[in-house]
Amino acid sequence: MPVTSTESSDIAYMYYTDHMMSGDLIKEARLRAGLTQTELGARLGKAQSVIARWERDDVSPSLETVRDVVRACGLDLTFFMSKFDDSNVTIIDQHLRMTPAERFADLMARVRFHDRREQQAAARDD
């Protein structure tokens, strides 16, 4: 089932928003660890209701708290800074409008193009 342009914009936005909600990070870490909210709360000395409020973004914990939660899940949260570049958003939007067959055909065309380039470069080096 193809993705509509509205859906594709929503999906691309999900990956390229100005910020990621701390609740998303907490829930993702908890699910990756295979923990319930109650189990995570026990590891942190917090009530299940606190974990639920964080995950719903009713309460925004500090960055340090989010990092502690992620570590309690056996994961690590690392940060780095880089120059902002949203150039892939257009490409992602274009691919989300394609059917799976169209995406595969596009991928294969790119593979063939790169294969030809490598062959040409190898022929020049010989």
PDB file of N, CA and C in Angstrom:
ATOM      1  N   MET A   1       0.850  -1.182   0.000  1.00  0.00           N
ATOM      2  CA  MET A   1       0.000   0.000   0.000  1.00  0.00           C
ATOM      3  C   MET A   1       0.893   1.243   0.000  1.00  0.00           C
ATOM      4  N   PRO A   2       0.823   2.103  -1.024  1.00  0.00           N
ATOM      5  CA  PRO A   2       1.679   3.274  -1.090  1.00  0.00           C
ATOM      6  C   PRO A   2       1.367   4.283   0.023  1.00  0.00           C
ATOM      7  N   VAL A   3       2.400   5.016   0.388  1.00  0.00           N
ATOM      8  CA  VAL A   3       2.256   6.041   1.417  1.00  0.00           C
ATOM      9  C   VAL A   3       1.803   7.324   0.744  1.00  0.00           C
ATOM     10  N   THR A   4       0.802   7.992   1.301  1.00  0.00           N
ATOM     11  CA  THR A   4       0.332   9.256   0.734  1.00  0.00           C
ATOM     12  C   THR A   4       1.354  10.344   1.001  1.00  0.00           C
ATOM     13  N   SER A   5       1.252  11.450   0.267  1.00  0.00           N
ATOM     14  CA  SER A   5       2.218  12.531   0.463  1.00  0.00           C
ATOM     15  C   SER A   5       2.118  13.112   1.870  1.00  0.00           C
ATOM     16  N   THR A   6       0.918  13.175   2.425  1.00  0.00           N
ATOM     17  CA  THR A   6       0.762  13.671   3.797  1.00  0.00           C
ATOM     18  C   THR A   6       1.445  12.732   4.777  1.00  0.00           C
ATOM     19  N   GLU A   7       1.242  11.413   4.580  1.00  0.00           N
ATOM     20  CA  GLU A   7       1.875  10.435   5.452  1.00  0.00           C
ATOM     21  C   GLU A   7       3.384  10.487   5.308  1.00  0.00           C
ATOM     22  N   SER A   8       3.883  10.642   4.085  1.00  0.00           N
ATOM     23  CA  SER A   8       5.323  10.664   3.888  1.00  0.00           C
ATOM     24  C   SER A   8       5.940  11.877   4.565  1.00  0.00           C
ATOM     25  N   SER A   9       5.274  13.019   4.512  1.00  0.00           N
ATOM     26  CA  SER A   9       5.790  14.200   5.190  1.00  0.00           C
ATOM     27  C   SER A   9       5.804  13.989   6.696  1.00  0.00           C
ATOM     28  N   ASP A  10       4.753  13.343   7.212  1.00  0.00           N
ATOM     29  CA  ASP A  10       4.700  13.056   8.647  1.00  0.00           C
ATOM     30  C   ASP A  10       5.827  12.113   9.050  1.00  0.00           C
ATOM     31  N   ILE A  11       6.082  11.087   8.214  1.00  0.00           N
ATOM     32  CA  ILE A  11       7.134  10.127   8.534  1.00  0.00           C
ATOM     33  C   ILE A  11       8.492  10.802   8.474  1.00  0.00           C
ATOM     34  N   ALA A  12       8.753  11.568   7.426  1.00  0.00           N
ATOM     35  CA  ALA A  12      10.034  12.266   7.327  1.00  0.00           C
ATOM     36  C   ALA A  12      10.193  13.222   8.497  1.00  0.00           C
ATOM     37  N   TYR A  13       9.116  13.919   8.861  1.00  0.00           N
ATOM     38  CA  TYR A  13       9.180  14.850   9.983  1.00  0.00           C
ATOM     39  C   TYR A  13       9.548  14.116  11.264  1.00  0.00           C
ATOM     40  N   MET A  14       9.027  12.897  11.424  1.00  0.00           N
ATOM     41  CA  MET A  14       9.316  12.124  12.620  1.00  0.00           C
ATOM     42  C   MET A  14      10.820  11.916  12.758  1.00  0.00           C
ATOM     43  N   TYR A  15      11.513  11.734  11.645  1.00  0.00           N
ATOM     44  CA  TYR A  15      12.942  11.484  11.698  1.00  0.00           C
ATOM     45  C   TYR A  15      13.781  12.757  11.711  1.00  0.00           C
ATOM     46  N   TYR A  16      13.205  13.871  11.307  1.00  0.00           N
ATOM     47  CA  TYR A  16      13.978  15.098  11.175  1.00  0.00           C
ATOM     48  C   TYR A  16      13.351  16.267  11.914  1.00  0.00           C
ATOM     49  N   THR A  17      12.809  16.034  13.078  1.00  0.00           N
ATOM     50  CA  THR A  17      12.235  17.120  13.844  1.00  0.00           C
ATOM     51  C   THR A  17      13.338  17.901  14.531  1.00  0.00           C
ATOM     52  N   ASP A  18      12.989  19.076  15.036  1.00  0.00           N
ATOM     53  CA  ASP A  18      13.948  19.906  15.746  1.00  0.00           C
ATOM     54  C   ASP A  18      14.433  19.217  17.016  1.00  0.00           C
ATOM     55  N   HIS A  19      13.591  18.397  17.577  1.00  0.00           N
ATOM     56  CA  HIS A  19      13.932  17.746  18.839  1.00  0.00           C
ATOM     57  C   HIS A  19      13.268  16.379  18.899  1.00  0.00           C
ATOM     58  N   MET A  20      13.869  15.531  19.643  1.00  0.00           N
ATOM     59  CA  MET A  20      13.230  14.243  19.889  1.00  0.00           C
ATOM     60  C   MET A  20      12.745  14.300  21.322  1.00  0.00           C
ATOM     61  N   MET A  21      11.543  13.880  21.525  1.00  0.00           N
ATOM     62  CA  MET A  21      10.966  13.945  22.856  1.00  0.00           C
ATOM     63  C   MET A  21      11.666  12.948  23.765  1.00  0.00           C
ATOM     64  N   SER A  22      11.929  13.354  24.984  1.00  0.00           N
ATOM     65  CA  SER A  22      12.589  12.461  25.933  1.00  0.00           C
ATOM     66  C   SER A  22      11.764  11.206  26.158  1.00  0.00           C
ATOM     67  N   GLY A  23      10.439  11.329  26.100  1.00  0.00           N
ATOM     68  CA  GLY A  23       9.578  10.166  26.274  1.00  0.00           C
ATOM     69  C   GLY A  23       9.818   9.111  25.215  1.00  0.00           C
ATOM     70  N   ASP A  24      10.086   9.544  23.984  1.00  0.00           N
ATOM     71  CA  ASP A  24      10.391   8.603  22.906  1.00  0.00           C
ATOM     72  C   ASP A  24      11.662   7.825  23.213  1.00  0.00           C
ATOM     73  N   LEU A  25      12.677   8.526  23.681  1.00  0.00           N
ATOM     74  CA  LEU A  25      13.941   7.873  24.020  1.00  0.00           C
ATOM     75  C   LEU A  25      13.759   6.884  25.165  1.00  0.00           C
ATOM     76  N   ILE A  26      13.030   7.294  26.177  1.00  0.00           N
ATOM     77  CA  ILE A  26      12.820   6.433  27.341  1.00  0.00           C
ATOM     78  C   ILE A  26      12.052   5.178  26.938  1.00  0.00           C
ATOM     79  N   LYS A  27      10.983   5.360  26.184  1.00  0.00           N
ATOM     80  CA  LYS A  27      10.181   4.204  25.778  1.00  0.00           C
ATOM     81  C   LYS A  27      10.992   3.275  24.881  1.00  0.00           C
ATOM     82  N   GLU A  28      11.732   3.827  23.945  1.00  0.00           N
ATOM     83  CA  GLU A  28      12.557   3.015  23.053  1.00  0.00           C
ATOM     84  C   GLU A  28      13.584   2.209  23.849  1.00  0.00           C
ATOM     85  N   ALA A  29      14.241   2.837  24.794  1.00  0.00           N
ATOM     86  CA  ALA A  29      15.233   2.131  25.613  1.00  0.00           C
ATOM     87  C   ALA A  29      14.569   1.018  26.424  1.00  0.00           C
ATOM     88  N   ARG A  30      13.428   1.318  27.018  1.00  0.00           N
ATOM     89  CA  ARG A  30      12.716   0.327  27.831  1.00  0.00           C
ATOM     90  C   ARG A  30      12.300  -0.866  26.986  1.00  0.00           C
ATOM     91  N   LEU A  31      11.749  -0.603  25.803  1.00  0.00           N
ATOM     92  CA  LEU A  31      11.310  -1.684  24.930  1.00  0.00           C
ATOM     93  C   LEU A  31      12.483  -2.515  24.425  1.00  0.00           C
ATOM     94  N   ARG A  32      13.581  -1.856  24.097  1.00  0.00           N
ATOM     95  CA  ARG A  32      14.776  -2.599  23.658  1.00  0.00           C
ATOM     96  C   ARG A  32      15.289  -3.516  24.765  1.00  0.00           C
ATOM     97  N   ALA A  33      15.161  -3.059  25.999  1.00  0.00           N
ATOM     98  CA  ALA A  33      15.615  -3.858  27.139  1.00  0.00           C
ATOM     99  C   ALA A  33      14.600  -4.933  27.512  1.00  0.00           C
ATOM    100  N   GLY A  34      13.412  -4.884  26.929  1.00  0.00           N
ATOM    101  CA  GLY A  34      12.383  -5.864  27.238  1.00  0.00           C
ATOM    102  C   GLY A  34      11.793  -5.695  28.626  1.00  0.00           C
ATOM    103  N   LEU A  35      11.722  -4.446  29.078  1.00  0.00           N
ATOM    104  CA  LEU A  35      11.232  -4.158  30.421  1.00  0.00           C
ATOM    105  C   LEU A  35       9.833  -3.565  30.384  1.00  0.00           C
ATOM    106  N   THR A  36       9.082  -3.825  31.442  1.00  0.00           N
ATOM    107  CA  THR A  36       7.808  -3.138  31.632  1.00  0.00           C
ATOM    108  C   THR A  36       8.115  -1.804  32.313  1.00  0.00           C
ATOM    109  N   GLN A  37       7.130  -0.937  32.347  1.00  0.00           N
ATOM    110  CA  GLN A  37       7.314   0.332  33.066  1.00  0.00           C
ATOM    111  C   GLN A  37       7.589   0.063  34.543  1.00  0.00           C
ATOM    112  N   THR A  38       6.914  -0.929  35.109  1.00  0.00           N
ATOM    113  CA  THR A  38       7.116  -1.266  36.523  1.00  0.00           C
ATOM    114  C   THR A  38       8.538  -1.750  36.765  1.00  0.00           C
ATOM    115  N   GLU A  39       9.044  -2.613  35.876  1.00  0.00           N
ATOM    116  CA  GLU A  39      10.408  -3.131  36.032  1.00  0.00           C
ATOM    117  C   GLU A  39      11.444  -2.014  35.905  1.00  0.00           C
ATOM    118  N   LEU A  40      11.244  -1.130  34.945  1.00  0.00           N
ATOM    119  CA  LEU A  40      12.172  -0.004  34.794  1.00  0.00           C
ATOM    120  C   LEU A  40      12.102   0.890  36.019  1.00  0.00           C
ATOM    121  N   GLY A  41      10.898   1.163  36.483  1.00  0.00           N
ATOM    122  CA  GLY A  41      10.743   1.974  37.683  1.00  0.00           C
ATOM    123  C   GLY A  41      11.479   1.376  38.875  1.00  0.00           C
ATOM    124  N   ALA A  42      11.402   0.057  39.023  1.00  0.00           N
ATOM    125  CA  ALA A  42      12.092  -0.609  40.130  1.00  0.00           C
ATOM    126  C   ALA A  42      13.603  -0.422  40.019  1.00  0.00           C
ATOM    127  N   ARG A  43      14.127  -0.501  38.817  1.00  0.00           N
ATOM    128  CA  ARG A  43      15.575  -0.301  38.620  1.00  0.00           C
ATOM    129  C   ARG A  43      16.007   1.119  38.990  1.00  0.00           C
ATOM    130  N   LEU A  44      15.081   2.063  38.799  1.00  0.00           N
ATOM    131  CA  LEU A  44      15.414   3.472  39.054  1.00  0.00           C
ATOM    132  C   LEU A  44      14.937   3.965  40.414  1.00  0.00           C
ATOM    133  N   GLY A  45      14.185   3.127  41.121  1.00  0.00           N
ATOM    134  CA  GLY A  45      13.614   3.571  42.395  1.00  0.00           C
ATOM    135  C   GLY A  45      12.479   4.562  42.194  1.00  0.00           C
ATOM    136  N   LYS A  46      11.761   4.391  41.082  1.00  0.00           N
ATOM    137  CA  LYS A  46      10.644   5.288  40.745  1.00  0.00           C
ATOM    138  C   LYS A  46       9.372   4.466  40.591  1.00  0.00           C
ATOM    139  N   ALA A  47       8.243   5.094  40.780  1.00  0.00           N
ATOM    140  CA  ALA A  47       6.956   4.426  40.577  1.00  0.00           C
ATOM    141  C   ALA A  47       6.691   4.244  39.087  1.00  0.00           C
ATOM    142  N   GLN A  48       5.894   3.243  38.745  1.00  0.00           N
ATOM    143  CA  GLN A  48       5.508   3.001  37.356  1.00  0.00           C
ATOM    144  C   GLN A  48       4.847   4.235  36.765  1.00  0.00           C
ATOM    145  N   SER A  49       4.084   4.950  37.580  1.00  0.00           N
ATOM    146  CA  SER A  49       3.374   6.131  37.084  1.00  0.00           C
ATOM    147  C   SER A  49       4.343   7.226  36.625  1.00  0.00           C
ATOM    148  N   VAL A  50       5.511   7.305  37.260  1.00  0.00           N
ATOM    149  CA  VAL A  50       6.528   8.285  36.849  1.00  0.00           C
ATOM    150  C   VAL A  50       7.044   7.929  35.453  1.00  0.00           C
ATOM    151  N   ILE A  51       7.334   6.647  35.248  1.00  0.00           N
ATOM    152  CA  ILE A  51       7.821   6.197  33.938  1.00  0.00           C
ATOM    153  C   ILE A  51       6.762   6.495  32.873  1.00  0.00           C
ATOM    154  N   ALA A  52       5.501   6.212  33.186  1.00  0.00           N
ATOM    155  CA  ALA A  52       4.410   6.459  32.243  1.00  0.00           C
ATOM    156  C   ALA A  52       4.316   7.939  31.887  1.00  0.00           C
ATOM    157  N   ARG A  53       4.452   8.818  32.872  1.00  0.00           N
ATOM    158  CA  ARG A  53       4.375  10.270  32.600  1.00  0.00           C
ATOM    159  C   ARG A  53       5.541  10.715  31.735  1.00  0.00           C
ATOM    160  N   TRP A  54       6.729  10.154  31.975  1.00  0.00           N
ATOM    161  CA  TRP A  54       7.879  10.485  31.129  1.00  0.00           C
ATOM    162  C   TRP A  54       7.626  10.046  29.695  1.00  0.00           C
ATOM    163  N   GLU A  55       7.142   8.810  29.528  1.00  0.00           N
ATOM    164  CA  GLU A  55       6.934   8.283  28.184  1.00  0.00           C
ATOM    165  C   GLU A  55       5.854   9.040  27.417  1.00  0.00           C
ATOM    166  N   ARG A  56       4.860   9.555  28.112  1.00  0.00           N
ATOM    167  CA  ARG A  56       3.804  10.346  27.458  1.00  0.00           C
ATOM    168  C   ARG A  56       4.230  11.800  27.252  1.00  0.00           C
ATOM    169  N   ASP A  57       5.391  12.153  27.765  1.00  0.00           N
ATOM    170  CA  ASP A  57       5.893  13.531  27.721  1.00  0.00           C
ATOM    171  C   ASP A  57       5.000  14.481  28.508  1.00  0.00           C
ATOM    172  N   ASP A  58       4.321  13.922  29.524  1.00  0.00           N
ATOM    173  CA  ASP A  58       3.584  14.787  30.454  1.00  0.00           C
ATOM    174  C   ASP A  58       4.567  15.544  31.332  1.00  0.00           C
ATOM    175  N   VAL A  59       5.693  14.902  31.599  1.00  0.00           N
ATOM    176  CA  VAL A  59       6.774  15.484  32.398  1.00  0.00           C
ATOM    177  C   VAL A  59       8.052  15.297  31.600  1.00  0.00           C
ATOM    178  N   SER A  60       8.854  16.335  31.504  1.00  0.00           N
ATOM    179  CA  SER A  60      10.119  16.248  30.771  1.00  0.00           C
ATOM    180  C   SER A  60      11.277  16.135  31.748  1.00  0.00           C
ATOM    181  N   PRO A  61      11.853  14.948  31.861  1.00  0.00           N
ATOM    182  CA  PRO A  61      12.993  14.799  32.752  1.00  0.00           C
ATOM    183  C   PRO A  61      14.219  15.507  32.194  1.00  0.00           C
ATOM    184  N   SER A  62      15.175  15.773  33.051  1.00  0.00           N
ATOM    185  CA  SER A  62      16.413  16.418  32.601  1.00  0.00           C
ATOM    186  C   SER A  62      17.180  15.467  31.688  1.00  0.00           C
ATOM    187  N   LEU A  63      18.120  16.004  30.967  1.00  0.00           N
ATOM    188  CA  LEU A  63      18.959  15.202  30.091  1.00  0.00           C
ATOM    189  C   LEU A  63      19.715  14.149  30.900  1.00  0.00           C
ATOM    190  N   GLU A  64      20.176  14.521  32.072  1.00  0.00           N
ATOM    191  CA  GLU A  64      20.897  13.584  32.927  1.00  0.00           C
ATOM    192  C   GLU A  64      19.987  12.425  33.356  1.00  0.00           C
ATOM    193  N   THR A  65      18.729  12.736  33.642  1.00  0.00           N
ATOM    194  CA  THR A  65      17.781  11.690  34.027  1.00  0.00           C
ATOM    195  C   THR A  65      17.521  10.749  32.857  1.00  0.00           C
ATOM    196  N   VAL A  66      17.344  11.306  31.672  1.00  0.00           N
ATOM    197  CA  VAL A  66      17.130  10.468  30.490  1.00  0.00           C
ATOM    198  C   VAL A  66      18.321   9.539  30.301  1.00  0.00           C
ATOM    199  N   ARG A  67      19.506  10.074  30.462  1.00  0.00           N
ATOM    200  CA  ARG A  67      20.719   9.259  30.316  1.00  0.00           C
ATOM    201  C   ARG A  67      20.754   8.152  31.368  1.00  0.00           C
ATOM    202  N   ASP A  68      20.373   8.462  32.602  1.00  0.00           N
ATOM    203  CA  ASP A  68      20.319   7.454  33.669  1.00  0.00           C
ATOM    204  C   ASP A  68      19.301   6.362  33.342  1.00  0.00           C
ATOM    205  N   VAL A  69      18.150   6.761  32.800  1.00  0.00           N
ATOM    206  CA  VAL A  69      17.114   5.798  32.427  1.00  0.00           C
ATOM    207  C   VAL A  69      17.636   4.869  31.340  1.00  0.00           C
ATOM    208  N   VAL A  70      18.271   5.434  30.328  1.00  0.00           N
ATOM    209  CA  VAL A  70      18.811   4.639  29.226  1.00  0.00           C
ATOM    210  C   VAL A  70      19.856   3.663  29.754  1.00  0.00           C
ATOM    211  N   ARG A  71      20.697   4.109  30.656  1.00  0.00           N
ATOM    212  CA  ARG A  71      21.715   3.226  31.247  1.00  0.00           C
ATOM    213  C   ARG A  71      21.082   2.124  32.086  1.00  0.00           C
ATOM    214  N   ALA A  72      19.984   2.443  32.760  1.00  0.00           N
ATOM    215  CA  ALA A  72      19.279   1.427  33.551  1.00  0.00           C
ATOM    216  C   ALA A  72      18.713   0.334  32.643  1.00  0.00           C
ATOM    217  N   CYS A  73      18.569   0.652  31.376  1.00  0.00           N
ATOM    218  CA  CYS A  73      18.087  -0.324  30.389  1.00  0.00           C
ATOM    219  C   CYS A  73      19.246  -1.088  29.747  1.00  0.00           C
ATOM    220  N   GLY A  74      20.458  -0.835  30.216  1.00  0.00           N
ATOM    221  CA  GLY A  74      21.617  -1.531  29.664  1.00  0.00           C
ATOM    222  C   GLY A  74      22.116  -0.939  28.364  1.00  0.00           C
ATOM    223  N   LEU A  75      21.729   0.293  28.093  1.00  0.00           N
ATOM    224  CA  LEU A  75      22.138   0.981  26.870  1.00  0.00           C
ATOM    225  C   LEU A  75      22.903   2.244  27.239  1.00  0.00           C
ATOM    226  N   ASP A  76      23.477   2.881  26.248  1.00  0.00           N
ATOM    227  CA  ASP A  76      24.161   4.143  26.490  1.00  0.00           C
ATOM    228  C   ASP A  76      23.636   5.171  25.504  1.00  0.00           C
ATOM    229  N   LEU A  77      23.532   6.385  25.955  1.00  0.00           N
ATOM    230  CA  LEU A  77      23.077   7.486  25.127  1.00  0.00           C
ATOM    231  C   LEU A  77      24.266   8.405  24.924  1.00  0.00           C
ATOM    232  N   THR A  78      24.715   8.511  23.680  1.00  0.00           N
ATOM    233  CA  THR A  78      25.867   9.349  23.385  1.00  0.00           C
ATOM    234  C   THR A  78      25.424  10.525  22.526  1.00  0.00           C
ATOM    235  N   PHE A  79      26.204  11.570  22.553  1.00  0.00           N
ATOM    236  CA  PHE A  79      25.880  12.795  21.826  1.00  0.00           C
ATOM    237  C   PHE A  79      27.089  13.266  21.055  1.00  0.00           C
ATOM    238  N   PHE A  80      26.822  13.896  19.924  1.00  0.00           N
ATOM    239  CA  PHE A  80      27.858  14.600  19.195  1.00  0.00           C
ATOM    240  C   PHE A  80      27.198  15.728  18.435  1.00  0.00           C
ATOM    241  N   MET A  81      27.988  16.707  18.084  1.00  0.00           N
ATOM    242  CA  MET A  81      27.465  17.832  17.325  1.00  0.00           C
ATOM    243  C   MET A  81      28.015  17.772  15.915  1.00  0.00           C
ATOM    244  N   SER A  82      27.177  18.147  14.986  1.00  0.00           N
ATOM    245  CA  SER A  82      27.605  18.223  13.601  1.00  0.00           C
ATOM    246  C   SER A  82      26.824  19.346  12.931  1.00  0.00           C
ATOM    247  N   LYS A  83      27.318  19.745  11.791  1.00  0.00           N
ATOM    248  CA  LYS A  83      26.650  20.798  11.042  1.00  0.00           C
ATOM    249  C   LYS A  83      25.272  20.295  10.612  1.00  0.00           C
ATOM    250  N   PHE A  84      24.265  21.125  10.744  1.00  0.00           N
ATOM    251  CA  PHE A  84      22.899  20.762  10.390  1.00  0.00           C
ATOM    252  C   PHE A  84      22.790  20.565   8.882  1.00  0.00           C
ATOM    253  N   ASP A  85      22.177  19.462   8.479  1.00  0.00           N
ATOM    254  CA  ASP A  85      21.996  19.162   7.063  1.00  0.00           C
ATOM    255  C   ASP A  85      20.687  18.399   6.898  1.00  0.00           C
ATOM    256  N   ASP A  86      19.705  19.023   6.277  1.00  0.00           N
ATOM    257  CA  ASP A  86      18.425  18.349   6.064  1.00  0.00           C
ATOM    258  C   ASP A  86      18.242  17.939   4.601  1.00  0.00           C
ATOM    259  N   SER A  87      19.339  17.808   3.866  1.00  0.00           N
ATOM    260  CA  SER A  87      19.247  17.506   2.440  1.00  0.00           C
ATOM    261  C   SER A  87      18.624  16.140   2.165  1.00  0.00           C
ATOM    262  N   ASN A  88      18.695  15.213   3.108  1.00  0.00           N
ATOM    263  CA  ASN A  88      18.119  13.885   2.880  1.00  0.00           C
ATOM    264  C   ASN A  88      16.601  13.866   3.008  1.00  0.00           C
ATOM    265  N   VAL A  89      16.012  14.889   3.581  1.00  0.00           N
ATOM    266  CA  VAL A  89      14.563  14.906   3.767  1.00  0.00           C
ATOM    267  C   VAL A  89      13.845  14.802   2.421  1.00  0.00           C
ATOM    268  N   THR A  90      14.312  15.513   1.424  1.00  0.00           N
ATOM    269  CA  THR A  90      13.698  15.468   0.103  1.00  0.00           C
ATOM    270  C   THR A  90      13.802  14.068  -0.485  1.00  0.00           C
ATOM    271  N   ILE A  91      14.963  13.442  -0.350  1.00  0.00           N
ATOM    272  CA  ILE A  91      15.158  12.091  -0.873  1.00  0.00           C
ATOM    273  C   ILE A  91      14.245  11.104  -0.151  1.00  0.00           C
ATOM    274  N   ILE A  92      14.160  11.231   1.153  1.00  0.00           N
ATOM    275  CA  ILE A  92      13.288  10.354   1.939  1.00  0.00           C
ATOM    276  C   ILE A  92      11.836  10.542   1.505  1.00  0.00           C
ATOM    277  N   ASP A  93      11.403  11.787   1.357  1.00  0.00           N
ATOM    278  CA  ASP A  93      10.027  12.057   0.916  1.00  0.00           C
ATOM    279  C   ASP A  93       9.753  11.423  -0.448  1.00  0.00           C
ATOM    280  N   GLN A  94      10.710  11.549  -1.366  1.00  0.00           N
ATOM    281  CA  GLN A  94      10.531  10.963  -2.696  1.00  0.00           C
ATOM    282  C   GLN A  94      10.387   9.444  -2.601  1.00  0.00           C
ATOM    283  N   HIS A  95      11.226   8.815  -1.805  1.00  0.00           N
ATOM    284  CA  HIS A  95      11.175   7.359  -1.688  1.00  0.00           C
ATOM    285  C   HIS A  95       9.922   6.880  -0.958  1.00  0.00           C
ATOM    286  N   LEU A  96       9.423   7.662  -0.036  1.00  0.00           N
ATOM    287  CA  LEU A  96       8.202   7.272   0.666  1.00  0.00           C
ATOM    288  C   LEU A  96       6.979   7.336  -0.245  1.00  0.00           C
ATOM    289  N   ARG A  97       7.053   8.139  -1.301  1.00  0.00           N
ATOM    290  CA  ARG A  97       5.945   8.212  -2.259  1.00  0.00           C
ATOM    291  C   ARG A  97       5.972   7.043  -3.246  1.00  0.00           C
ATOM    292  N   MET A  98       7.102   6.320  -3.300  1.00  0.00           N
ATOM    293  CA  MET A  98       7.234   5.198  -4.237  1.00  0.00           C
ATOM    294  C   MET A  98       6.646   3.920  -3.641  1.00  0.00           C
ATOM    295  N   THR A  99       6.255   3.026  -4.531  1.00  0.00           N
ATOM    296  CA  THR A  99       5.862   1.685  -4.095  1.00  0.00           C
ATOM    297  C   THR A  99       7.147   0.915  -3.772  1.00  0.00           C
ATOM    298  N   PRO A 100       7.051  -0.196  -3.060  1.00  0.00           N
ATOM    299  CA  PRO A 100       8.257  -1.001  -2.814  1.00  0.00           C
ATOM    300  C   PRO A 100       8.945  -1.420  -4.113  1.00  0.00           C
ATOM    301  N   ALA A 101       8.180  -1.764  -5.124  1.00  0.00           N
ATOM    302  CA  ALA A 101       8.768  -2.164  -6.406  1.00  0.00           C
ATOM    303  C   ALA A 101       9.532  -0.996  -7.038  1.00  0.00           C
ATOM    304  N   GLU A 102       8.978   0.191  -6.961  1.00  0.00           N
ATOM    305  CA  GLU A 102       9.665   1.374  -7.510  1.00  0.00           C
ATOM    306  C   GLU A 102      10.938   1.670  -6.731  1.00  0.00           C
ATOM    307  N   ARG A 103      10.891   1.524  -5.401  1.00  0.00           N
ATOM    308  CA  ARG A 103      12.098   1.752  -4.593  1.00  0.00           C
ATOM    309  C   ARG A 103      13.181   0.742  -4.949  1.00  0.00           C
ATOM    310  N   PHE A 104      12.777  -0.521  -5.145  1.00  0.00           N
ATOM    311  CA  PHE A 104      13.746  -1.552  -5.509  1.00  0.00           C
ATOM    312  C   PHE A 104      14.358  -1.257  -6.873  1.00  0.00           C
ATOM    313  N   ALA A 105      13.530  -0.874  -7.839  1.00  0.00           N
ATOM    314  CA  ALA A 105      14.029  -0.551  -9.177  1.00  0.00           C
ATOM    315  C   ALA A 105      15.003   0.629  -9.109  1.00  0.00           C
ATOM    316  N   ASP A 106      14.690   1.626  -8.302  1.00  0.00           N
ATOM    317  CA  ASP A 106      15.565   2.777  -8.136  1.00  0.00           C
ATOM    318  C   ASP A 106      16.903   2.344  -7.519  1.00  0.00           C
ATOM    319  N   LEU A 107      16.830   1.487  -6.527  1.00  0.00           N
ATOM    320  CA  LEU A 107      18.050   0.982  -5.893  1.00  0.00           C
ATOM    321  C   LEU A 107      18.916   0.233  -6.897  1.00  0.00           C
ATOM    322  N   MET A 108      18.291  -0.637  -7.678  1.00  0.00           N
ATOM    323  CA  MET A 108      19.053  -1.415  -8.654  1.00  0.00           C
ATOM    324  C   MET A 108      19.680  -0.518  -9.720  1.00  0.00           C
ATOM    325  N   ALA A 109      18.985   0.515 -10.131  1.00  0.00           N
ATOM    326  CA  ALA A 109      19.550   1.463 -11.095  1.00  0.00           C
ATOM    327  C   ALA A 109      20.782   2.147 -10.507  1.00  0.00           C
ATOM    328  N   ARG A 110      20.701   2.496  -9.238  1.00  0.00           N
ATOM    329  CA  ARG A 110      21.855   3.125  -8.573  1.00  0.00           C
ATOM    330  C   ARG A 110      23.023   2.152  -8.451  1.00  0.00           C
ATOM    331  N   VAL A 111      22.733   0.899  -8.133  1.00  0.00           N
ATOM    332  CA  VAL A 111      23.780  -0.118  -8.029  1.00  0.00           C
ATOM    333  C   VAL A 111      24.474  -0.291  -9.374  1.00  0.00           C
ATOM    334  N   ARG A 112      23.680  -0.404 -10.448  1.00  0.00           N
ATOM    335  CA  ARG A 112      24.261  -0.557 -11.787  1.00  0.00           C
ATOM    336  C   ARG A 112      25.119   0.656 -12.152  1.00  0.00           C
ATOM    337  N   PHE A 113      24.656   1.850 -11.814  1.00  0.00           N
ATOM    338  CA  PHE A 113      25.415   3.073 -12.093  1.00  0.00           C
ATOM    339  C   PHE A 113      26.768   3.030 -11.386  1.00  0.00           C
ATOM    340  N   HIS A 114      26.756   2.677 -10.098  1.00  0.00           N
ATOM    341  CA  HIS A 114      28.009   2.633  -9.339  1.00  0.00           C
ATOM    342  C   HIS A 114      28.924   1.516  -9.823  1.00  0.00           C
ATOM    343  N   ASP A 115      28.339   0.392 -10.225  1.00  0.00           N
ATOM    344  CA  ASP A 115      29.150  -0.691 -10.787  1.00  0.00           C
ATOM    345  C   ASP A 115      29.862  -0.228 -12.058  1.00  0.00           C
ATOM    346  N   ARG A 116      29.134   0.477 -12.939  1.00  0.00           N
ATOM    347  CA  ARG A 116      29.746   0.991 -14.173  1.00  0.00           C
ATOM    348  C   ARG A 116      30.871   1.963 -13.854  1.00  0.00           C
ATOM    349  N   ARG A 117      30.638   2.832 -12.871  1.00  0.00           N
ATOM    350  CA  ARG A 117      31.680   3.811 -12.479  1.00  0.00           C
ATOM    351  C   ARG A 117      32.934   3.103 -11.979  1.00  0.00           C
ATOM    352  N   GLU A 118      32.766   2.062 -11.172  1.00  0.00           N
ATOM    353  CA  GLU A 118      33.906   1.315 -10.663  1.00  0.00           C
ATOM    354  C   GLU A 118      34.647   0.608 -11.805  1.00  0.00           C
ATOM    355  N   GLN A 119      33.902   0.049 -12.755  1.00  0.00           N
ATOM    356  CA  GLN A 119      34.513  -0.615 -13.893  1.00  0.00           C
ATOM    357  C   GLN A 119      35.312   0.374 -14.741  1.00  0.00           C
ATOM    358  N   GLN A 120      34.735   1.575 -14.940  1.00  0.00           N
ATOM    359  CA  GLN A 120      35.433   2.610 -15.705  1.00  0.00           C
ATOM    360  C   GLN A 120      36.709   3.047 -15.000  1.00  0.00           C
ATOM    361  N   ALA A 121      36.629   3.202 -13.691  1.00  0.00           N
ATOM    362  CA  ALA A 121      37.804   3.617 -12.908  1.00  0.00           C
ATOM    363  C   ALA A 121      38.876   2.526 -12.957  1.00  0.00           C
ATOM    364  N   ALA A 122      38.470   1.270 -12.857  1.00  0.00           N
ATOM    365  CA  ALA A 122      39.420   0.167 -12.906  1.00  0.00           C
ATOM    366  C   ALA A 122      40.077   0.100 -14.280  1.00  0.00           C
ATOM    367  N   ALA A 123      39.309   0.355 -15.361  1.00  0.00           N
ATOM    368  CA  ALA A 123      39.864   0.327 -16.712  1.00  0.00           C
ATOM    369  C   ALA A 123      40.875   1.449 -16.897  1.00  0.00           C
ATOM    370  N   ARG A 124      40.627   2.610 -16.312  1.00  0.00           N
ATOM    371  CA  ARG A 124      41.572   3.730 -16.406  1.00  0.00           C
ATOM    372  C   ARG A 124      42.854   3.417 -15.645  1.00  0.00           C
ATOM    373  N   ASP A 125      42.754   2.700 -14.537  1.00  0.00           N
ATOM    374  CA  ASP A 125      43.933   2.375 -13.727  1.00  0.00           C
ATOM    375  C   ASP A 125      44.818   1.314 -14.359  1.00  0.00           C
ATOM    376  N   ASP A 126      44.248   0.525 -15.309  1.00  0.00           N
ATOM    377  CA  ASP A 126      45.028  -0.550 -15.949  1.00  0.00           C
ATOM    378  C   ASP A 126      45.921  -0.042 -17.026  1.00  0.00           C
TER     379      ASP A 126
END
